[in-house]
Amino acid sequence: MASKLQESKKPEPMSLRKTQGKERPFSRLNFWMMGGCLVLILLGYLFMSGGGSTEPDGFNPEIFSTRRIVVGPLLSFLGFLLMAFAIICPPDWKGFKKS
């Protein structure tokens, strides 16, 4: 019985096997697009940030600027929308490569 256990060969785990290009869920293009989307999202949050008033009873009209209300959320939303496209985009998509 013990000799049979020693003779049985264990199958190689999937993590140790080298994957082929067509088996990978993301390509280099996907990672570049996701990185660009992350930069867009962070830029949008940076545009929305900013200090308020230094005085507790003071009002700072800068909180209603176009940069904070329109541009920042628009960049963040665009980044999240394009991030979904970057994840869904197939790895063999040749959209930006020259033929």
C-alpha atoms as a PDB file:
ATOM      1  CA  MET A   1       0.000   0.000   0.000  1.00  0.00           C
ATOM      2  CA  ALA A   2       2.769   2.438   0.924  1.00  0.00           C
ATOM      3  CA  SER A   3       4.678   1.593  -2.253  1.00  0.00           C
ATOM      4  CA  LYS A   4       1.638   2.513  -4.361  1.00  0.00           C
ATOM      5  CA  LEU A   5       1.449   5.944  -2.733  1.00  0.00           C
ATOM      6  CA  GLN A   6       5.115   6.580  -3.425  1.00  0.00           C
ATOM      7  CA  GLU A   7       4.795   5.447  -7.044  1.00  0.00           C
ATOM      8  CA  SER A   8       1.826   7.687  -7.860  1.00  0.00           C
ATOM      9  CA  LYS A   9       3.003  10.785  -9.605  1.00  0.00           C
ATOM     10  CA  LYS A  10       1.462  14.104  -8.566  1.00  0.00           C
ATOM     11  CA  PRO A  11       0.129  16.260 -11.394  1.00  0.00           C
ATOM     12  CA  GLU A  12       1.940  19.502 -11.987  1.00  0.00           C
ATOM     13  CA  PRO A  13       0.059  22.485 -10.521  1.00  0.00           C
ATOM     14  CA  MET A  14      -1.371  24.993 -12.968  1.00  0.00           C
ATOM     15  CA  SER A  15       0.572  27.858 -11.407  1.00  0.00           C
ATOM     16  CA  LEU A  16       3.925  26.300 -12.271  1.00  0.00           C
ATOM     17  CA  ARG A  17       3.053  25.641 -15.881  1.00  0.00           C
ATOM     18  CA  LYS A  18       4.004  28.381 -18.334  1.00  0.00           C
ATOM     19  CA  THR A  19       0.978  29.981 -19.917  1.00  0.00           C
ATOM     20  CA  GLN A  20       0.739  30.716 -23.582  1.00  0.00           C
ATOM     21  CA  GLY A  21      -0.130  34.169 -24.902  1.00  0.00           C
ATOM     22  CA  LYS A  22      -3.689  33.210 -25.851  1.00  0.00           C
ATOM     23  CA  GLU A  23      -4.397  31.822 -22.362  1.00  0.00           C
ATOM     24  CA  ARG A  24      -3.660  35.093 -20.555  1.00  0.00           C
ATOM     25  CA  PRO A  25      -6.693  37.208 -19.663  1.00  0.00           C
ATOM     26  CA  PHE A  26      -4.897  40.562 -20.169  1.00  0.00           C
ATOM     27  CA  SER A  27      -2.301  41.722 -22.650  1.00  0.00           C
ATOM     28  CA  ARG A  28       0.251  44.500 -22.399  1.00  0.00           C
ATOM     29  CA  LEU A  29      -2.223  46.855 -24.088  1.00  0.00           C
ATOM     30  CA  ASN A  30      -4.806  46.134 -21.361  1.00  0.00           C
ATOM     31  CA  PHE A  31      -2.348  47.031 -18.628  1.00  0.00           C
ATOM     32  CA  TRP A  32      -1.304  50.256 -20.389  1.00  0.00           C
ATOM     33  CA  MET A  33      -4.937  51.265 -20.813  1.00  0.00           C
ATOM     34  CA  MET A  34      -5.702  50.476 -17.154  1.00  0.00           C
ATOM     35  CA  GLY A  35      -2.700  52.550 -16.052  1.00  0.00           C
ATOM     36  CA  GLY A  36      -3.860  55.500 -18.152  1.00  0.00           C
ATOM     37  CA  CYS A  37      -7.352  55.219 -16.691  1.00  0.00           C
ATOM     38  CA  LEU A  38      -5.920  55.175 -13.182  1.00  0.00           C
ATOM     39  CA  VAL A  39      -4.048  58.392 -13.947  1.00  0.00           C
ATOM     40  CA  LEU A  40      -7.301  59.962 -15.211  1.00  0.00           C
ATOM     41  CA  ILE A  41      -9.152  58.942 -12.041  1.00  0.00           C
ATOM     42  CA  LEU A  42      -6.433  60.296  -9.755  1.00  0.00           C
ATOM     43  CA  LEU A  43      -6.252  63.529 -11.762  1.00  0.00           C
ATOM     44  CA  GLY A  44     -10.001  63.967 -11.390  1.00  0.00           C
ATOM     45  CA  TYR A  45      -9.790  63.489  -7.616  1.00  0.00           C
ATOM     46  CA  LEU A  46      -6.887  65.918  -7.485  1.00  0.00           C
ATOM     47  CA  PHE A  47      -8.958  68.549  -9.308  1.00  0.00           C
ATOM     48  CA  MET A  48     -11.831  68.039  -6.866  1.00  0.00           C
ATOM     49  CA  SER A  49      -9.630  68.412  -3.806  1.00  0.00           C
ATOM     50  CA  GLY A  50      -8.718  71.660  -2.165  1.00  0.00           C
ATOM     51  CA  GLY A  51      -8.988  73.495   1.057  1.00  0.00           C
ATOM     52  CA  GLY A  52     -12.049  75.209   2.359  1.00  0.00           C
ATOM     53  CA  SER A  53     -12.103  78.341   4.430  1.00  0.00           C
ATOM     54  CA  THR A  54      -9.497  79.005   7.120  1.00  0.00           C
ATOM     55  CA  GLU A  55     -12.058  80.855   9.204  1.00  0.00           C
ATOM     56  CA  PRO A  56     -14.825  78.800  10.839  1.00  0.00           C
ATOM     57  CA  ASP A  57     -17.512  81.389  10.037  1.00  0.00           C
ATOM     58  CA  GLY A  58     -16.042  82.473   6.702  1.00  0.00           C
ATOM     59  CA  PHE A  59     -17.331  81.489   3.272  1.00  0.00           C
ATOM     60  CA  ASN A  60     -14.970  80.663   0.443  1.00  0.00           C
ATOM     61  CA  PRO A  61     -16.676  80.871  -2.985  1.00  0.00           C
ATOM     62  CA  GLU A  62     -13.792  78.845  -4.493  1.00  0.00           C
ATOM     63  CA  ILE A  63     -15.597  75.629  -3.488  1.00  0.00           C
ATOM     64  CA  PHE A  64     -18.069  76.287  -6.322  1.00  0.00           C
ATOM     65  CA  SER A  65     -15.445  76.698  -9.037  1.00  0.00           C
ATOM     66  CA  THR A  66     -15.852  74.977 -12.395  1.00  0.00           C
ATOM     67  CA  ARG A  67     -12.684  72.985 -11.810  1.00  0.00           C
ATOM     68  CA  ARG A  68     -14.130  71.332  -8.685  1.00  0.00           C
ATOM     69  CA  ILE A  69     -17.712  70.869  -9.824  1.00  0.00           C
ATOM     70  CA  VAL A  70     -17.368  70.024 -13.527  1.00  0.00           C
ATOM     71  CA  VAL A  71     -13.833  69.156 -14.613  1.00  0.00           C
ATOM     72  CA  GLY A  72     -12.822  66.924 -11.680  1.00  0.00           C
ATOM     73  CA  PRO A  73     -15.918  64.690 -11.659  1.00  0.00           C
ATOM     74  CA  LEU A  74     -15.903  64.519 -15.457  1.00  0.00           C
ATOM     75  CA  LEU A  75     -12.303  63.275 -15.526  1.00  0.00           C
ATOM     76  CA  SER A  76     -12.985  60.729 -12.783  1.00  0.00           C
ATOM     77  CA  PHE A  77     -16.134  59.444 -14.478  1.00  0.00           C
ATOM     78  CA  LEU A  78     -14.334  59.189 -17.808  1.00  0.00           C
ATOM     79  CA  GLY A  79     -11.502  57.276 -16.110  1.00  0.00           C
ATOM     80  CA  PHE A  80     -13.927  54.780 -14.536  1.00  0.00           C
ATOM     81  CA  LEU A  81     -15.800  54.350 -17.822  1.00  0.00           C
ATOM     82  CA  LEU A  82     -12.619  53.732 -19.798  1.00  0.00           C
ATOM     83  CA  MET A  83     -11.336  51.391 -17.065  1.00  0.00           C
ATOM     84  CA  ALA A  84     -14.335  49.136 -17.709  1.00  0.00           C
ATOM     85  CA  PHE A  85     -13.463  49.162 -21.424  1.00  0.00           C
ATOM     86  CA  ALA A  86      -9.799  48.389 -20.655  1.00  0.00           C
ATOM     87  CA  ILE A  87     -10.838  45.352 -18.610  1.00  0.00           C
ATOM     88  CA  ILE A  88     -13.361  44.066 -21.156  1.00  0.00           C
ATOM     89  CA  CYS A  89     -11.147  44.673 -24.191  1.00  0.00           C
ATOM     90  CA  PRO A  90      -9.932  41.311 -25.601  1.00  0.00           C
ATOM     91  CA  PRO A  91      -6.182  40.618 -25.370  1.00  0.00           C
ATOM     92  CA  ASP A  92      -5.797  40.137 -29.133  1.00  0.00           C
ATOM     93  CA  TRP A  93      -7.420  43.496 -30.017  1.00  0.00           C
ATOM     94  CA  LYS A  94      -5.241  45.425 -32.480  1.00  0.00           C
ATOM     95  CA  GLY A  95      -6.836  48.856 -32.000  1.00  0.00           C
ATOM     96  CA  PHE A  96      -3.715  50.960 -31.460  1.00  0.00           C
ATOM     97  CA  LYS A  97      -1.088  48.876 -33.237  1.00  0.00           C
ATOM     98  CA  LYS A  98       0.137  49.797 -36.690  1.00  0.00           C
ATOM     99  CA  SER A  99      -0.316  47.121 -39.338  1.00  0.00           C
END
